[in-house]
Amino acid sequence: MKQVHVVPHMHWDREWYFSTEESRILLVNNLEEIMHRLETDEDYPYYVLDGQTSILEDYLAVKPENRERIKRLVQANKLIVGPWYTQTDEMIIGGESIVRNLLYGIKDSREFGPHMEIGYLPDSFGQSVQMPMILNGFGITRSIFWRGTSERYGTDKTEFYWTSDDGSKVLVQLMPLGYAIGKYLPTEETALKTRMDKYLPVLDRGATGDHLLLPNGHDQMPLQQNITEVITQLHRLYPEREFFLSRYEHVFEQLEKQLNLPTISGEFLDGKYMRVHRSIYSTRMDIKTMNTMIENKLTNTLEPLMSLAYKAGIEYHHGLVD
């Protein structure tokens, strides 16, 4: 029987088609609903906070009194946070910025409890060739992403091992239809079947085993309050499948039992099935120029000088650099 893991989550664009201020208003409302559901409904066990701790930073700037409440949910493995500080673009910024992103995300996560040990990048516009090496450097051996692959890279499967040039390796669960296929799933039978009949054959075709991933969320999307009713309806429509609320780690636990998974390498920038938005390379050049100047100043000038000074007995001010 096919096992369909329904994973509640939200993808969070801090500043994309909303302003930062508009996003923060939505965030406060959304997170209040999420925490209340996790605290009061034993049948709603998990929620993934988009793999980035900047969400918590923004929320706690408005609601600092709820820090302990969040901490309890993270430590109970209900609210799933990290490992990133913010969702990154792998193809534009320097590699050191990606490393710091993970460094600060994991550091922030540890203030609350365990972090998600998955290189979770559901919406990056292409995947860097050295990402497995960076993830392995932080002890991460699992990766989830959406964009940039096709059979032209060596496999038509959505589960595979991905290697870097140095031999580093991560197990990948691809999102072949993106992170939003389970957004606002309807309970009405015809509408639900129409949607799922489009998705399930694609998921089946790419899977190497009997476990499929159905992410239940979207950009700034509020928690779907009636998801248990949706799952009941899915069981009626597809009695040959088992649908249940889950988390990404449970999918990987099953994947790791699979033998003879494909192994591929390289960067992923194919736009055959997923848009990789190549036009972003030529937009907002003032921001890109400023970012590059800051990266170069920090990594090529400031930190080397501070390291030399430290060797000479001068204090290394980590807090100032952070």
Foldseek 3Di string as FASTA:
>chain_A
DFEEAEEAEAAEDCPDPDDVVVSLVLLLVQVVVLLVCCVPPPQQAAYEHNAACCSVVSNCVPVVVCLVSQLVCVASRHYAYHQFNHQDAPPQADPVVVLVRRVVSNVVVVVRHDHPLEQERADHLWFAQCVLVSSVVVVRAEYEYEDFDDCVQPDRAQWAWEAHPVGRIHTYRYPPQTQDLQEPQDLPQVSNCVSVVVPVVSQVVRYPDRYGYHYYYYYSDHTDPCVVSSQVSVCVVCVVYHYGHDHPVVVVVVVVVDPPGYYGGGMGNDPPRHHSPPVVVPPPVVVSVVSVVVVCCLPVPVVVVLVVVVVVPDDRCPVVSD
